[in-house]
Protein backbone atom coordinates (compact mmCIF):
# COMPACT_ATOMS: atom_id res chain seq x y z
CA UNK A 1 24.20 -48.02 -32.54
CA UNK A 2 21.55 -47.42 -29.79
CA UNK A 3 21.98 -47.59 -26.08
CA UNK A 4 19.41 -48.66 -23.41
CA UNK A 5 18.35 -45.30 -21.60
CA UNK A 6 19.10 -46.99 -18.29
CA UNK A 7 22.36 -48.56 -19.63
CA UNK A 8 23.73 -50.90 -17.05
CA UNK A 9 27.42 -50.22 -16.44
CA UNK A 10 29.89 -52.80 -14.52
CA UNK A 11 32.07 -51.45 -11.71
CA UNK A 12 35.26 -52.09 -13.51
CA UNK A 13 34.32 -49.63 -16.56
CA UNK A 14 36.41 -46.56 -15.56
CA UNK A 15 35.02 -44.04 -17.85
CA UNK A 16 31.49 -45.20 -19.20
CA UNK A 17 31.10 -41.95 -21.36
CA UNK A 18 34.53 -42.55 -23.17
CA UNK A 19 33.57 -46.08 -23.82
CA UNK A 20 30.20 -45.37 -25.42
CA UNK A 21 31.94 -42.64 -27.54
CA UNK A 22 34.18 -45.18 -28.70
CA UNK A 23 31.66 -47.77 -29.36
CA UNK A 24 29.58 -45.21 -31.50
CA UNK A 25 32.56 -44.32 -33.38
CA UNK A 26 33.32 -48.06 -34.00
CA UNK A 27 36.98 -47.88 -32.58
CA UNK A 28 39.00 -50.78 -33.03
CA UNK A 29 40.65 -51.00 -29.64
CA UNK A 30 37.83 -51.21 -26.91
CA UNK A 31 38.66 -53.64 -24.26
CA UNK A 32 35.19 -54.12 -22.91
CA UNK A 33 32.17 -56.44 -23.39
CA UNK A 34 28.74 -55.31 -24.38
CA UNK A 35 25.25 -56.66 -23.38
CA UNK A 36 22.68 -56.68 -26.33
CA UNK A 37 19.15 -57.67 -26.91
CA UNK A 38 19.24 -60.80 -29.01
CA UNK A 39 17.94 -60.62 -32.42
CA UNK A 40 17.14 -64.12 -32.26
CA UNK A 41 13.49 -64.77 -31.02
CA UNK A 42 14.60 -67.78 -28.92
CA UNK A 43 17.33 -66.03 -26.88
CA UNK A 44 17.10 -62.80 -24.78
CA UNK A 45 20.70 -61.25 -24.27
CA UNK A 46 23.80 -61.78 -25.89
CA UNK A 47 27.43 -60.90 -24.84
CA UNK A 48 29.97 -59.72 -27.17
CA UNK A 49 33.59 -58.32 -27.18
CA UNK A 50 33.14 -54.79 -28.23
CA UNK A 51 36.02 -55.12 -30.71
CA UNK A 52 33.68 -57.32 -32.79
CA UNK A 53 31.52 -54.54 -33.44
CA UNK A 54 33.67 -53.06 -35.91
CA UNK A 55 32.70 -55.73 -38.34
CA UNK A 56 30.66 -54.73 -41.43
CA UNK A 57 27.58 -56.82 -40.34
CA UNK A 58 27.62 -55.11 -36.93
CA UNK A 59 27.87 -51.80 -38.68
CA UNK A 60 24.84 -52.44 -40.92
CA UNK A 61 22.96 -54.29 -38.04
CA UNK A 62 23.95 -52.38 -35.04
CA UNK A 63 23.05 -54.10 -31.81
CA UNK A 64 20.69 -52.64 -28.98
CA UNK A 65 23.14 -52.07 -26.12
CA UNK A 66 21.80 -52.82 -22.78
CA UNK A 67 24.88 -52.92 -20.77
CA UNK A 68 28.74 -52.67 -20.86
CA UNK A 69 31.34 -54.51 -18.74
CA UNK A 70 34.93 -54.50 -18.31
CA UNK A 71 35.06 -58.35 -18.65
CA UNK A 72 33.21 -61.51 -19.44
CA UNK A 73 32.57 -62.42 -15.86
CA UNK A 74 31.19 -58.98 -14.94
CA UNK A 75 28.95 -58.92 -17.98
CA UNK A 76 27.42 -62.29 -16.81
CA UNK A 77 26.94 -60.69 -13.33
CA UNK A 78 24.97 -57.94 -15.08
CA UNK A 79 22.92 -60.31 -16.86
CA UNK A 80 22.29 -62.15 -13.61
CA UNK A 81 21.23 -58.59 -12.05
CA UNK A 82 18.86 -57.91 -14.91
CA UNK A 83 17.09 -61.50 -14.55
CA UNK A 84 16.79 -60.89 -10.78
CA UNK A 85 15.25 -57.61 -11.28
CA UNK A 86 12.76 -58.98 -14.01
CA UNK A 87 11.65 -61.88 -11.70
CA UNK A 88 11.28 -59.38 -8.77
CA UNK A 89 9.25 -56.87 -10.77
CA UNK A 90 7.26 -59.24 -13.10
CA UNK A 91 7.44 -62.65 -11.43
CA UNK A 92 8.63 -64.39 -14.65
CA UNK A 93 12.03 -64.61 -16.70
CA UNK A 94 10.87 -62.52 -19.56
CA UNK A 95 13.74 -59.97 -19.79
CA UNK A 96 13.16 -58.59 -23.07
CA UNK A 97 9.58 -57.93 -22.00
CA UNK A 98 10.91 -56.18 -18.73
CA UNK A 99 13.57 -53.97 -20.52
CA UNK A 100 10.98 -52.72 -23.30
CA UNK A 101 9.11 -51.11 -20.44
CA UNK A 102 12.00 -48.50 -20.23
CA UNK A 103 12.77 -48.12 -23.88
């Protein structure tokens, strides 16, 4: 599982290093949400409950994690922040293109 070098971390995430360690170990009891790059060419980002990443599909096809949040609303807020940064930097809404500049 790969993590974005400039990982976006929500304010309600108490110990991000511990959470990242749990995600990489595919721990089953992770109460968080992850923001990932979409593998679908028509979408840009996706939000998942971290507990779903223990499924075999995600172990064989690990997502590229852009951000972590304590709850769904916070994850949506992080996506909004990323979108605003993208528009400010590039003048368009191509989030994937913007994020790839820092990969």
